[in-house]
Amino acid sequence: MTRMIFVRHGQSLGNLERRFYGQTDGPLTDLGREQAGKTAEYLKDTHIDAAYSSDLSRAYETGKIIAAPHNIEVTPCAGLREIFAGDWENLLFTELLEKYKETFGTWCLDLGNSCPDNGESVKALAERIRAEVWKIAAENDGKTVLLAIHATPIRALACEWCHAPIEKMQEIGWVRNASVSIVDYDCAAHKTAVQLYDEASFMGDIATSLPRSV
């Protein structure tokens, strides 16, 4: 059994500006670093053996802040990146509604079946992220692992945790910035068990999340 601690990155500049970052590499805001610090405090007494993150800076920096009290290095993994958004990369949500009304409308209303124009489909993302996470779980059997990643990957993973098809992804909410989700991975039986999901009460009044309309 491998215990996986999933943390969404803290608030990024893209979050603040209401942009669709995808794999655009933007930094955390000062608030995002403060949120990551709150998560580090929340997890400081939790034993963590290893840490991984998306190689995008907003996730990697979040992982480093949380891993620092445990004196462990963070391993960046391209396979843990956010969805590649193609033509949508770095556009404002308002621009997406104007320029890609139909396809972005599918994203907002039928997420599991959506695909950014000239980008990665949500189904392809789900396959990529699941394969990477199971690989990390197998390589760290019996350990506790921190993974600092992104909102869409966590939402896609949650379908597997809930035994729901990707087409039901719309029914699962976005996790908040720097929130904690804990899932046990049984690699021998290829089963998962959710222990905690989107825990951010420790964030107090600095908690942030994606707009409900996205």
N, C-alpha and C. Protein backbone atom coordinates (compact mmCIF):
# COMPACT_ATOMS: atom_id res chain seq x y z
N MET A 1 0.84 -1.20 0.00
CA MET A 1 0.00 0.00 0.00
C MET A 1 0.88 1.25 0.00
N THR A 2 0.58 2.15 -0.87
CA THR A 2 1.30 3.43 -0.92
C THR A 2 0.31 4.54 -0.60
N ARG A 3 0.64 5.38 0.37
CA ARG A 3 -0.22 6.52 0.69
C ARG A 3 0.24 7.72 -0.14
N MET A 4 -0.69 8.23 -0.94
CA MET A 4 -0.39 9.35 -1.83
C MET A 4 -1.09 10.60 -1.32
N ILE A 5 -0.31 11.64 -1.07
CA ILE A 5 -0.85 12.92 -0.61
C ILE A 5 -0.82 13.89 -1.79
N PHE A 6 -1.99 14.16 -2.36
CA PHE A 6 -2.09 15.04 -3.51
C PHE A 6 -2.37 16.47 -3.05
N VAL A 7 -1.60 17.41 -3.54
CA VAL A 7 -1.80 18.82 -3.22
C VAL A 7 -1.87 19.60 -4.53
N ARG A 8 -2.95 20.34 -4.71
CA ARG A 8 -2.98 21.24 -5.85
C ARG A 8 -2.07 22.43 -5.55
N HIS A 9 -1.45 22.97 -6.57
CA HIS A 9 -0.55 24.12 -6.37
C HIS A 9 -1.29 25.31 -5.74
N GLY A 10 -0.54 26.18 -5.10
CA GLY A 10 -1.12 27.41 -4.57
C GLY A 10 -1.56 28.33 -5.69
N GLN A 11 -2.19 29.43 -5.33
CA GLN A 11 -2.68 30.36 -6.34
C GLN A 11 -1.54 30.79 -7.27
N SER A 12 -1.78 30.68 -8.56
CA SER A 12 -0.80 31.10 -9.56
C SER A 12 -1.20 32.46 -10.13
N LEU A 13 -0.28 33.04 -10.87
CA LEU A 13 -0.60 34.30 -11.55
C LEU A 13 -1.76 34.09 -12.52
N GLY A 14 -1.79 32.93 -13.17
CA GLY A 14 -2.88 32.62 -14.08
C GLY A 14 -4.22 32.55 -13.38
N ASN A 15 -4.24 31.94 -12.18
CA ASN A 15 -5.47 31.91 -11.39
C ASN A 15 -5.94 33.32 -11.07
N LEU A 16 -4.99 34.15 -10.64
CA LEU A 16 -5.32 35.52 -10.25
C LEU A 16 -5.88 36.31 -11.43
N GLU A 17 -5.28 36.13 -12.59
CA GLU A 17 -5.69 36.89 -13.78
C GLU A 17 -6.83 36.22 -14.54
N ARG A 18 -7.31 35.08 -14.05
CA ARG A 18 -8.39 34.33 -14.70
C ARG A 18 -7.99 33.92 -16.12
N ARG A 19 -6.80 33.30 -16.22
CA ARG A 19 -6.30 32.79 -17.49
C ARG A 19 -6.31 31.27 -17.48
N PHE A 20 -6.44 30.69 -18.66
CA PHE A 20 -6.34 29.25 -18.80
C PHE A 20 -4.87 28.92 -19.03
N TYR A 21 -4.16 28.58 -17.96
CA TYR A 21 -2.73 28.35 -18.06
C TYR A 21 -2.41 27.04 -18.78
N GLY A 22 -3.10 25.96 -18.48
CA GLY A 22 -2.71 24.68 -19.05
C GLY A 22 -1.25 24.42 -18.73
N GLN A 23 -0.42 24.23 -19.78
CA GLN A 23 1.00 24.00 -19.55
C GLN A 23 1.84 25.28 -19.68
N THR A 24 1.17 26.44 -19.76
CA THR A 24 1.89 27.71 -19.66
C THR A 24 2.57 27.76 -18.30
N ASP A 25 3.84 28.11 -18.28
CA ASP A 25 4.60 28.03 -17.03
C ASP A 25 4.64 29.38 -16.34
N GLY A 26 3.67 29.62 -15.47
CA GLY A 26 3.59 30.86 -14.71
C GLY A 26 3.85 30.61 -13.23
N PRO A 27 4.28 31.64 -12.51
CA PRO A 27 4.67 31.48 -11.11
C PRO A 27 3.48 31.50 -10.14
N LEU A 28 3.77 31.15 -8.91
CA LEU A 28 2.83 31.38 -7.82
C LEU A 28 2.76 32.88 -7.53
N THR A 29 1.64 33.32 -7.01
CA THR A 29 1.54 34.66 -6.45
C THR A 29 2.06 34.63 -5.02
N ASP A 30 2.18 35.79 -4.41
CA ASP A 30 2.57 35.83 -2.99
C ASP A 30 1.52 35.10 -2.15
N LEU A 31 0.25 35.24 -2.51
CA LEU A 31 -0.81 34.52 -1.80
C LEU A 31 -0.64 33.02 -1.99
N GLY A 32 -0.28 32.60 -3.20
CA GLY A 32 -0.06 31.19 -3.47
C GLY A 32 1.05 30.60 -2.60
N ARG A 33 2.11 31.39 -2.40
CA ARG A 33 3.19 30.92 -1.52
C ARG A 33 2.73 30.85 -0.08
N GLU A 34 1.90 31.81 0.32
CA GLU A 34 1.35 31.77 1.67
C GLU A 34 0.45 30.55 1.84
N GLN A 35 -0.35 30.23 0.83
CA GLN A 35 -1.20 29.05 0.90
C GLN A 35 -0.36 27.77 1.01
N ALA A 36 0.70 27.69 0.21
CA ALA A 36 1.58 26.52 0.29
C ALA A 36 2.22 26.40 1.67
N GLY A 37 2.55 27.54 2.26
CA GLY A 37 3.09 27.55 3.62
C GLY A 37 2.09 27.02 4.63
N LYS A 38 0.82 27.36 4.45
CA LYS A 38 -0.24 26.84 5.33
C LYS A 38 -0.35 25.32 5.19
N THR A 39 -0.22 24.83 3.95
CA THR A 39 -0.28 23.39 3.73
C THR A 39 0.93 22.70 4.34
N ALA A 40 2.09 23.34 4.23
CA ALA A 40 3.30 22.80 4.85
C ALA A 40 3.12 22.68 6.36
N GLU A 41 2.51 23.68 6.95
CA GLU A 41 2.24 23.65 8.39
C GLU A 41 1.27 22.53 8.72
N TYR A 42 0.24 22.36 7.90
CA TYR A 42 -0.77 21.32 8.12
C TYR A 42 -0.15 19.92 8.05
N LEU A 43 0.84 19.75 7.16
CA LEU A 43 1.42 18.42 6.95
C LEU A 43 2.76 18.22 7.66
N LYS A 44 3.18 19.17 8.48
CA LYS A 44 4.53 19.10 9.03
C LYS A 44 4.75 17.90 9.93
N ASP A 45 3.70 17.40 10.57
CA ASP A 45 3.83 16.24 11.46
C ASP A 45 3.43 14.94 10.77
N THR A 46 3.14 15.01 9.49
CA THR A 46 2.83 13.81 8.71
C THR A 46 4.12 13.26 8.12
N HIS A 47 4.38 11.99 8.34
CA HIS A 47 5.59 11.39 7.79
C HIS A 47 5.47 11.32 6.26
N ILE A 48 6.46 11.84 5.57
CA ILE A 48 6.50 11.80 4.11
C ILE A 48 7.87 11.26 3.69
N ASP A 49 7.86 10.22 2.86
CA ASP A 49 9.10 9.57 2.44
C ASP A 49 9.68 10.17 1.16
N ALA A 50 8.80 10.61 0.27
CA ALA A 50 9.26 11.08 -1.04
C ALA A 50 8.30 12.14 -1.55
N ALA A 51 8.78 12.98 -2.45
CA ALA A 51 7.96 14.05 -3.01
C ALA A 51 8.18 14.16 -4.51
N TYR A 52 7.07 14.31 -5.22
CA TYR A 52 7.10 14.50 -6.68
C TYR A 52 6.22 15.70 -7.00
N SER A 53 6.44 16.26 -8.18
CA SER A 53 5.57 17.35 -8.62
C SER A 53 5.55 17.40 -10.13
N SER A 54 4.56 18.08 -10.66
CA SER A 54 4.63 18.52 -12.05
C SER A 54 5.90 19.36 -12.19
N ASP A 55 6.46 19.36 -13.40
CA ASP A 55 7.66 20.17 -13.60
C ASP A 55 7.33 21.63 -13.92
N LEU A 56 6.05 22.00 -13.93
CA LEU A 56 5.67 23.41 -14.08
C LEU A 56 5.91 24.13 -12.76
N SER A 57 6.41 25.36 -12.85
CA SER A 57 6.95 26.03 -11.66
C SER A 57 5.94 26.22 -10.55
N ARG A 58 4.67 26.46 -10.88
CA ARG A 58 3.68 26.69 -9.82
C ARG A 58 3.49 25.45 -8.95
N ALA A 59 3.58 24.27 -9.55
CA ALA A 59 3.46 23.04 -8.77
C ALA A 59 4.78 22.69 -8.09
N TYR A 60 5.88 22.86 -8.81
CA TYR A 60 7.19 22.52 -8.25
C TYR A 60 7.50 23.38 -7.03
N GLU A 61 7.22 24.67 -7.11
CA GLU A 61 7.47 25.55 -5.96
C GLU A 61 6.56 25.18 -4.79
N THR A 62 5.31 24.86 -5.07
CA THR A 62 4.40 24.41 -4.02
C THR A 62 4.97 23.17 -3.33
N GLY A 63 5.42 22.20 -4.13
CA GLY A 63 5.99 20.98 -3.57
C GLY A 63 7.22 21.25 -2.73
N LYS A 64 8.09 22.16 -3.18
CA LYS A 64 9.31 22.47 -2.43
C LYS A 64 8.98 23.10 -1.07
N ILE A 65 8.00 23.97 -1.04
CA ILE A 65 7.61 24.62 0.22
C ILE A 65 7.10 23.58 1.21
N ILE A 66 6.30 22.64 0.73
CA ILE A 66 5.71 21.62 1.61
C ILE A 66 6.75 20.59 2.03
N ALA A 67 7.67 20.25 1.12
CA ALA A 67 8.67 19.22 1.41
C ALA A 67 9.80 19.72 2.30
N ALA A 68 10.01 21.03 2.35
CA ALA A 68 11.15 21.59 3.09
C ALA A 68 11.23 21.14 4.55
N PRO A 69 10.12 21.18 5.32
CA PRO A 69 10.22 20.75 6.72
C PRO A 69 10.60 19.27 6.89
N HIS A 70 10.45 18.49 5.82
CA HIS A 70 10.74 17.06 5.89
C HIS A 70 12.14 16.74 5.35
N ASN A 71 12.84 17.79 4.89
CA ASN A 71 14.21 17.64 4.38
C ASN A 71 14.29 16.63 3.24
N ILE A 72 13.32 16.69 2.32
CA ILE A 72 13.35 15.82 1.16
C ILE A 72 13.31 16.65 -0.12
N GLU A 73 13.93 16.15 -1.15
CA GLU A 73 13.94 16.81 -2.44
C GLU A 73 12.66 16.48 -3.21
N VAL A 74 12.27 17.38 -4.09
CA VAL A 74 11.10 17.17 -4.93
C VAL A 74 11.57 16.74 -6.33
N THR A 75 11.03 15.64 -6.81
CA THR A 75 11.35 15.15 -8.15
C THR A 75 10.33 15.68 -9.14
N PRO A 76 10.73 16.52 -10.10
CA PRO A 76 9.78 17.05 -11.09
C PRO A 76 9.50 16.01 -12.17
N CYS A 77 8.22 15.91 -12.58
CA CYS A 77 7.81 14.93 -13.59
C CYS A 77 6.93 15.60 -14.63
N ALA A 78 7.34 15.54 -15.88
CA ALA A 78 6.52 16.11 -16.96
C ALA A 78 5.18 15.40 -17.08
N GLY A 79 5.13 14.12 -16.70
CA GLY A 79 3.89 13.35 -16.78
C GLY A 79 2.81 13.81 -15.82
N LEU A 80 3.18 14.64 -14.85
CA LEU A 80 2.22 15.16 -13.87
C LEU A 80 1.71 16.55 -14.24
N ARG A 81 2.04 17.02 -15.43
CA ARG A 81 1.63 18.37 -15.84
C ARG A 81 0.11 18.51 -15.97
N GLU A 82 -0.33 19.76 -15.94
CA GLU A 82 -1.71 20.10 -16.26
C GLU A 82 -1.98 19.75 -17.72
N ILE A 83 -3.23 19.77 -18.13
CA ILE A 83 -3.61 19.49 -19.51
C ILE A 83 -2.93 20.48 -20.46
N PHE A 84 -2.53 19.97 -21.65
CA PHE A 84 -2.01 20.87 -22.67
C PHE A 84 -3.21 21.48 -23.40
N ALA A 85 -3.33 22.80 -23.32
CA ALA A 85 -4.54 23.47 -23.77
C ALA A 85 -4.48 23.99 -25.20
N GLY A 86 -3.42 23.70 -25.95
CA GLY A 86 -3.39 24.08 -27.36
C GLY A 86 -3.61 25.56 -27.58
N ASP A 87 -4.62 25.87 -28.41
CA ASP A 87 -4.92 27.26 -28.76
C ASP A 87 -5.45 28.07 -27.57
N TRP A 88 -5.85 27.38 -26.53
CA TRP A 88 -6.40 28.07 -25.36
C TRP A 88 -5.33 28.56 -24.40
N GLU A 89 -4.10 28.10 -24.57
CA GLU A 89 -3.04 28.40 -23.61
C GLU A 89 -2.93 29.90 -23.32
N ASN A 90 -2.98 30.22 -22.04
CA ASN A 90 -2.74 31.57 -21.50
C ASN A 90 -3.81 32.59 -21.90
N LEU A 91 -4.94 32.15 -22.46
CA LEU A 91 -6.01 33.08 -22.78
C LEU A 91 -6.88 33.34 -21.55
N LEU A 92 -7.44 34.53 -21.48
CA LEU A 92 -8.41 34.84 -20.43
C LEU A 92 -9.66 34.00 -20.63
N PHE A 93 -10.34 33.64 -19.55
CA PHE A 93 -11.59 32.89 -19.68
C PHE A 93 -12.60 33.66 -20.53
N THR A 94 -12.59 34.98 -20.41
CA THR A 94 -13.52 35.79 -21.21
C THR A 94 -13.19 35.68 -22.70
N GLU A 95 -11.90 35.57 -23.03
CA GLU A 95 -11.50 35.39 -24.42
C GLU A 95 -11.92 34.03 -24.95
N LEU A 96 -11.83 33.02 -24.11
CA LEU A 96 -12.24 31.68 -24.52
C LEU A 96 -13.73 31.64 -24.84
N LEU A 97 -14.51 32.34 -24.03
CA LEU A 97 -15.96 32.39 -24.27
C LEU A 97 -16.28 33.09 -25.58
N GLU A 98 -15.44 34.05 -25.96
CA GLU A 98 -15.67 34.79 -27.21
C GLU A 98 -15.16 34.03 -28.44
N LYS A 99 -13.95 33.46 -28.34
CA LYS A 99 -13.29 32.88 -29.51
C LYS A 99 -13.61 31.40 -29.72
N TYR A 100 -13.89 30.69 -28.62
CA TYR A 100 -14.10 29.24 -28.71
C TYR A 100 -15.38 28.86 -27.97
N LYS A 101 -16.45 29.53 -28.34
CA LYS A 101 -17.71 29.39 -27.60
C LYS A 101 -18.18 27.94 -27.52
N GLU A 102 -18.11 27.22 -28.64
CA GLU A 102 -18.62 25.84 -28.66
C GLU A 102 -17.72 24.89 -27.88
N THR A 103 -16.43 24.90 -28.18
CA THR A 103 -15.53 23.94 -27.52
C THR A 103 -15.31 24.28 -26.05
N PHE A 104 -15.19 25.55 -25.73
CA PHE A 104 -15.05 25.91 -24.31
C PHE A 104 -16.37 25.68 -23.57
N GLY A 105 -17.49 25.80 -24.29
CA GLY A 105 -18.77 25.46 -23.69
C GLY A 105 -18.84 24.00 -23.30
N THR A 106 -18.25 23.13 -24.13
CA THR A 106 -18.17 21.71 -23.77
C THR A 106 -17.33 21.52 -22.52
N TRP A 107 -16.21 22.25 -22.44
CA TRP A 107 -15.37 22.18 -21.23
C TRP A 107 -16.18 22.52 -19.99
N CYS A 108 -16.98 23.55 -20.07
CA CYS A 108 -17.73 24.03 -18.90
C CYS A 108 -18.91 23.13 -18.54
N LEU A 109 -19.48 22.44 -19.55
CA LEU A 109 -20.72 21.69 -19.32
C LEU A 109 -20.57 20.17 -19.42
N ASP A 110 -19.49 19.70 -20.06
CA ASP A 110 -19.29 18.26 -20.27
C ASP A 110 -17.80 17.97 -20.26
N LEU A 111 -17.16 18.24 -19.14
CA LEU A 111 -15.70 18.27 -19.04
C LEU A 111 -15.04 16.99 -19.52
N GLY A 112 -15.56 15.85 -19.13
CA GLY A 112 -14.92 14.58 -19.48
C GLY A 112 -14.85 14.31 -20.96
N ASN A 113 -15.72 14.92 -21.74
CA ASN A 113 -15.73 14.73 -23.19
C ASN A 113 -15.13 15.92 -23.95
N SER A 114 -14.44 16.79 -23.25
CA SER A 114 -13.95 18.01 -23.89
C SER A 114 -12.50 17.89 -24.32
N CYS A 115 -12.13 18.80 -25.23
CA CYS A 115 -10.76 18.85 -25.73
C CYS A 115 -10.46 20.28 -26.18
N PRO A 116 -9.48 20.94 -25.59
CA PRO A 116 -9.10 22.28 -26.07
C PRO A 116 -8.71 22.22 -27.55
N ASP A 117 -8.99 23.27 -28.28
CA ASP A 117 -8.66 23.32 -29.70
C ASP A 117 -7.16 23.11 -29.91
N ASN A 118 -6.82 22.08 -30.71
CA ASN A 118 -5.42 21.71 -30.98
C ASN A 118 -4.65 21.36 -29.72
N GLY A 119 -5.37 20.88 -28.70
CA GLY A 119 -4.73 20.50 -27.45
C GLY A 119 -4.98 19.05 -27.08
N GLU A 120 -4.74 18.73 -25.84
CA GLU A 120 -4.87 17.39 -25.28
C GLU A 120 -6.30 17.19 -24.79
N SER A 121 -6.92 16.09 -25.13
CA SER A 121 -8.27 15.83 -24.65
C SER A 121 -8.23 15.48 -23.17
N VAL A 122 -9.34 15.68 -22.49
CA VAL A 122 -9.43 15.32 -21.07
C VAL A 122 -9.24 13.82 -20.90
N LYS A 123 -9.74 13.03 -21.84
CA LYS A 123 -9.56 11.57 -21.76
C LYS A 123 -8.09 11.20 -21.88
N ALA A 124 -7.35 11.87 -22.77
CA ALA A 124 -5.92 11.61 -22.90
C ALA A 124 -5.17 12.04 -21.64
N LEU A 125 -5.56 13.18 -21.08
CA LEU A 125 -4.97 13.63 -19.81
C LEU A 125 -5.19 12.59 -18.73
N ALA A 126 -6.41 12.07 -18.63
CA ALA A 126 -6.73 11.09 -17.59
C ALA A 126 -5.85 9.85 -17.71
N GLU A 127 -5.66 9.37 -18.94
CA GLU A 127 -4.81 8.21 -19.15
C GLU A 127 -3.37 8.51 -18.76
N ARG A 128 -2.89 9.69 -19.16
CA ARG A 128 -1.50 10.08 -18.84
C ARG A 128 -1.28 10.18 -17.35
N ILE A 129 -2.16 10.88 -16.67
CA ILE A 129 -1.95 11.14 -15.25
C ILE A 129 -2.12 9.88 -14.41
N ARG A 130 -3.08 9.03 -14.79
CA ARG A 130 -3.26 7.78 -14.06
C ARG A 130 -2.04 6.89 -14.20
N ALA A 131 -1.51 6.77 -15.40
CA ALA A 131 -0.33 5.93 -15.62
C ALA A 131 0.85 6.43 -14.80
N GLU A 132 1.06 7.75 -14.78
CA GLU A 132 2.19 8.31 -14.03
C GLU A 132 2.04 8.10 -12.54
N VAL A 133 0.82 8.29 -12.02
CA VAL A 133 0.60 8.14 -10.57
C VAL A 133 0.74 6.69 -10.14
N TRP A 134 0.20 5.75 -10.92
CA TRP A 134 0.37 4.33 -10.57
C TRP A 134 1.84 3.93 -10.63
N LYS A 135 2.59 4.47 -11.57
CA LYS A 135 4.03 4.18 -11.66
C LYS A 135 4.74 4.67 -10.40
N ILE A 136 4.43 5.88 -9.97
CA ILE A 136 5.05 6.43 -8.75
C ILE A 136 4.65 5.60 -7.54
N ALA A 137 3.38 5.20 -7.47
CA ALA A 137 2.91 4.38 -6.34
C ALA A 137 3.67 3.05 -6.29
N ALA A 138 3.85 2.43 -7.43
CA ALA A 138 4.54 1.14 -7.47
C ALA A 138 6.01 1.27 -7.07
N GLU A 139 6.62 2.37 -7.48
CA GLU A 139 8.04 2.60 -7.16
C GLU A 139 8.25 2.95 -5.68
N ASN A 140 7.17 3.30 -4.99
CA ASN A 140 7.27 3.70 -3.58
C ASN A 140 6.35 2.86 -2.70
N ASP A 141 6.23 1.58 -3.03
CA ASP A 141 5.34 0.69 -2.30
C ASP A 141 5.64 0.70 -0.80
N GLY A 142 4.60 0.90 -0.01
CA GLY A 142 4.74 0.92 1.44
C GLY A 142 5.15 2.26 2.03
N LYS A 143 5.32 3.26 1.17
CA LYS A 143 5.76 4.58 1.62
C LYS A 143 4.62 5.60 1.54
N THR A 144 4.91 6.80 2.03
CA THR A 144 3.99 7.93 1.92
C THR A 144 4.63 8.96 1.00
N VAL A 145 3.87 9.36 -0.03
CA VAL A 145 4.42 10.18 -1.10
C VAL A 145 3.60 11.46 -1.27
N LEU A 146 4.28 12.58 -1.36
CA LEU A 146 3.64 13.86 -1.67
C LEU A 146 3.68 14.08 -3.17
N LEU A 147 2.53 14.49 -3.75
CA LEU A 147 2.48 14.85 -5.17
C LEU A 147 1.85 16.23 -5.30
N ALA A 148 2.63 17.20 -5.75
CA ALA A 148 2.13 18.56 -5.96
C ALA A 148 1.77 18.70 -7.44
N ILE A 149 0.47 18.79 -7.72
CA ILE A 149 0.05 18.78 -9.12
C ILE A 149 -1.02 19.86 -9.38
N HIS A 150 -1.97 19.56 -10.26
CA HIS A 150 -2.88 20.58 -10.78
C HIS A 150 -4.34 20.15 -10.65
N ALA A 151 -5.23 21.11 -10.91
CA ALA A 151 -6.66 20.91 -10.68
C ALA A 151 -7.28 19.88 -11.60
N THR A 152 -7.05 19.98 -12.92
CA THR A 152 -7.68 19.04 -13.84
C THR A 152 -7.16 17.62 -13.63
N PRO A 153 -5.86 17.39 -13.45
CA PRO A 153 -5.41 16.04 -13.14
C PRO A 153 -6.04 15.45 -11.87
N ILE A 154 -6.17 16.24 -10.82
CA ILE A 154 -6.79 15.71 -9.60
C ILE A 154 -8.25 15.35 -9.86
N ARG A 155 -8.95 16.20 -10.61
CA ARG A 155 -10.35 15.92 -10.91
C ARG A 155 -10.47 14.65 -11.76
N ALA A 156 -9.55 14.46 -12.70
CA ALA A 156 -9.56 13.24 -13.52
C ALA A 156 -9.25 12.01 -12.67
N LEU A 157 -8.28 12.12 -11.78
CA LEU A 157 -7.95 11.02 -10.88
C LEU A 157 -9.13 10.65 -9.98
N ALA A 158 -9.87 11.67 -9.57
CA ALA A 158 -11.00 11.44 -8.67
C ALA A 158 -12.06 10.54 -9.31
N CYS A 159 -12.16 10.57 -10.63
CA CYS A 159 -13.09 9.65 -11.30
C CYS A 159 -12.71 8.21 -11.01
N GLU A 160 -11.41 7.92 -11.09
CA GLU A 160 -10.94 6.56 -10.78
C GLU A 160 -11.18 6.24 -9.31
N TRP A 161 -10.88 7.18 -8.43
CA TRP A 161 -11.07 6.94 -7.00
C TRP A 161 -12.54 6.66 -6.67
N CYS A 162 -13.44 7.32 -7.40
CA CYS A 162 -14.89 7.17 -7.15
C CYS A 162 -15.52 6.08 -8.01
N HIS A 163 -14.69 5.37 -8.79
CA HIS A 163 -15.18 4.33 -9.69
C HIS A 163 -16.21 4.88 -10.67
N ALA A 164 -15.92 6.07 -11.17
CA ALA A 164 -16.82 6.74 -12.11
C ALA A 164 -16.12 6.86 -13.46
N PRO A 165 -16.86 6.71 -14.56
CA PRO A 165 -16.26 6.92 -15.89
C PRO A 165 -15.90 8.39 -16.07
N ILE A 166 -14.96 8.64 -16.97
CA ILE A 166 -14.50 10.01 -17.19
C ILE A 166 -15.65 10.91 -17.64
N GLU A 167 -16.67 10.32 -18.26
CA GLU A 167 -17.83 11.10 -18.70
C GLU A 167 -18.60 11.71 -17.52
N LYS A 168 -18.37 11.21 -16.31
CA LYS A 168 -19.03 11.73 -15.11
C LYS A 168 -18.17 12.78 -14.40
N MET A 169 -17.08 13.16 -15.01
CA MET A 169 -16.14 14.10 -14.38
C MET A 169 -16.80 15.42 -14.01
N GLN A 170 -17.78 15.84 -14.78
CA GLN A 170 -18.46 17.11 -14.51
C GLN A 170 -19.11 17.13 -13.13
N GLU A 171 -19.43 15.94 -12.60
CA GLU A 171 -20.11 15.85 -11.31
C GLU A 171 -19.16 15.97 -10.13
N ILE A 172 -17.86 16.01 -10.42
CA ILE A 172 -16.84 16.14 -9.37
C ILE A 172 -16.32 17.57 -9.38
N GLY A 173 -16.31 18.21 -8.23
CA GLY A 173 -15.91 19.62 -8.17
C GLY A 173 -14.41 19.83 -8.25
N TRP A 174 -14.03 21.07 -8.58
CA TRP A 174 -12.62 21.45 -8.56
C TRP A 174 -12.11 21.47 -7.12
N VAL A 175 -10.86 21.06 -6.94
CA VAL A 175 -10.24 21.21 -5.62
C VAL A 175 -9.67 22.62 -5.50
N ARG A 176 -9.54 23.08 -4.26
CA ARG A 176 -9.06 24.43 -4.01
C ARG A 176 -7.53 24.50 -4.05
N ASN A 177 -7.02 25.71 -4.21
CA ASN A 177 -5.57 25.90 -4.24
C ASN A 177 -4.92 25.40 -2.96
N ALA A 178 -3.87 24.60 -3.13
CA ALA A 178 -3.06 24.07 -2.02
C ALA A 178 -3.86 23.16 -1.08
N SER A 179 -5.00 22.65 -1.55
CA SER A 179 -5.78 21.73 -0.73
C SER A 179 -5.14 20.35 -0.74
N VAL A 180 -5.53 19.53 0.23
CA VAL A 180 -4.92 18.21 0.44
C VAL A 180 -5.96 17.11 0.18
N SER A 181 -5.56 16.14 -0.62
CA SER A 181 -6.36 14.92 -0.83
C SER A 181 -5.44 13.73 -0.58
N ILE A 182 -5.89 12.76 0.20
CA ILE A 182 -5.06 11.61 0.56
C ILE A 182 -5.74 10.34 0.07
N VAL A 183 -5.01 9.56 -0.69
CA VAL A 183 -5.56 8.34 -1.29
C VAL A 183 -4.54 7.20 -1.13
N ASP A 184 -5.00 6.05 -0.65
CA ASP A 184 -4.15 4.87 -0.54
C ASP A 184 -4.22 4.07 -1.83
N TYR A 185 -3.07 3.72 -2.38
CA TYR A 185 -2.97 2.95 -3.61
C TYR A 185 -2.47 1.54 -3.29
N ASP A 186 -3.30 0.54 -3.55
CA ASP A 186 -2.92 -0.86 -3.39
C ASP A 186 -2.48 -1.35 -4.75
N CYS A 187 -1.18 -1.39 -4.97
CA CYS A 187 -0.66 -1.73 -6.30
C CYS A 187 -0.88 -3.20 -6.65
N ALA A 188 -0.86 -4.08 -5.65
CA ALA A 188 -1.06 -5.50 -5.92
C ALA A 188 -2.47 -5.78 -6.42
N ALA A 189 -3.45 -5.14 -5.80
CA ALA A 189 -4.85 -5.35 -6.17
C ALA A 189 -5.35 -4.32 -7.18
N HIS A 190 -4.52 -3.32 -7.45
CA HIS A 190 -4.88 -2.19 -8.33
C HIS A 190 -6.19 -1.54 -7.85
N LYS A 191 -6.19 -1.18 -6.58
CA LYS A 191 -7.35 -0.53 -5.97
C LYS A 191 -6.91 0.73 -5.25
N THR A 192 -7.85 1.66 -5.09
CA THR A 192 -7.57 2.89 -4.35
C THR A 192 -8.61 3.09 -3.26
N ALA A 193 -8.23 3.81 -2.22
CA ALA A 193 -9.15 4.13 -1.12
C ALA A 193 -8.92 5.56 -0.69
N VAL A 194 -9.93 6.41 -0.85
CA VAL A 194 -9.82 7.83 -0.51
C VAL A 194 -9.93 8.01 1.00
N GLN A 195 -8.97 8.71 1.58
CA GLN A 195 -8.98 9.02 3.01
C GLN A 195 -9.38 10.47 3.27
N LEU A 196 -9.12 11.35 2.31
CA LEU A 196 -9.38 12.77 2.47
C LEU A 196 -9.47 13.39 1.09
N TYR A 197 -10.37 14.37 0.92
CA TYR A 197 -10.50 15.00 -0.39
C TYR A 197 -10.72 16.50 -0.25
N ASP A 198 -9.88 17.26 -0.92
CA ASP A 198 -10.02 18.73 -0.98
C ASP A 198 -10.10 19.36 0.41
N GLU A 199 -9.24 18.92 1.31
CA GLU A 199 -9.20 19.50 2.65
C GLU A 199 -8.44 20.83 2.60
N ALA A 200 -9.13 21.90 2.96
CA ALA A 200 -8.50 23.22 2.95
C ALA A 200 -9.01 24.09 4.09
N SER A 201 -9.63 23.48 5.09
CA SER A 201 -10.17 24.27 6.20
C SER A 201 -9.06 24.99 6.96
N PHE A 202 -7.84 24.42 6.92
CA PHE A 202 -6.70 25.04 7.60
C PHE A 202 -6.27 26.34 6.92
N MET A 203 -6.79 26.59 5.73
CA MET A 203 -6.42 27.78 4.96
C MET A 203 -7.11 29.04 5.49
N GLY A 204 -8.22 28.85 6.21
CA GLY A 204 -8.94 30.01 6.74
C GLY A 204 -9.45 30.91 5.63
N ASP A 205 -9.29 32.21 5.81
CA ASP A 205 -9.85 33.17 4.86
C ASP A 205 -8.96 33.43 3.65
N ILE A 206 -7.85 32.67 3.49
CA ILE A 206 -7.02 32.85 2.30
C ILE A 206 -7.25 31.74 1.27
N ALA A 207 -8.27 30.91 1.49
CA ALA A 207 -8.58 29.85 0.53
C ALA A 207 -9.07 30.44 -0.78
N THR A 208 -8.66 29.86 -1.89
CA THR A 208 -9.11 30.30 -3.21
C THR A 208 -9.42 29.08 -4.08
N SER A 209 -10.25 29.28 -5.09
CA SER A 209 -10.60 28.18 -6.00
C SER A 209 -10.91 28.74 -7.36
N LEU A 210 -11.07 27.84 -8.33
CA LEU A 210 -11.44 28.26 -9.68
C LEU A 210 -12.87 28.76 -9.70
N PRO A 211 -13.21 29.65 -10.62
CA PRO A 211 -14.61 30.10 -10.74
C PRO A 211 -15.53 28.94 -11.04
N ARG A 212 -16.73 28.96 -10.51
CA ARG A 212 -17.67 27.85 -10.74
C ARG A 212 -18.02 27.69 -12.21
N SER A 213 -17.91 28.77 -12.96
CA SER A 213 -18.30 28.74 -14.38
C SER A 213 -17.28 28.06 -15.27
N VAL A 214 -16.09 27.73 -14.75
CA VAL A 214 -15.03 27.13 -15.56
C VAL A 214 -15.14 25.61 -15.52
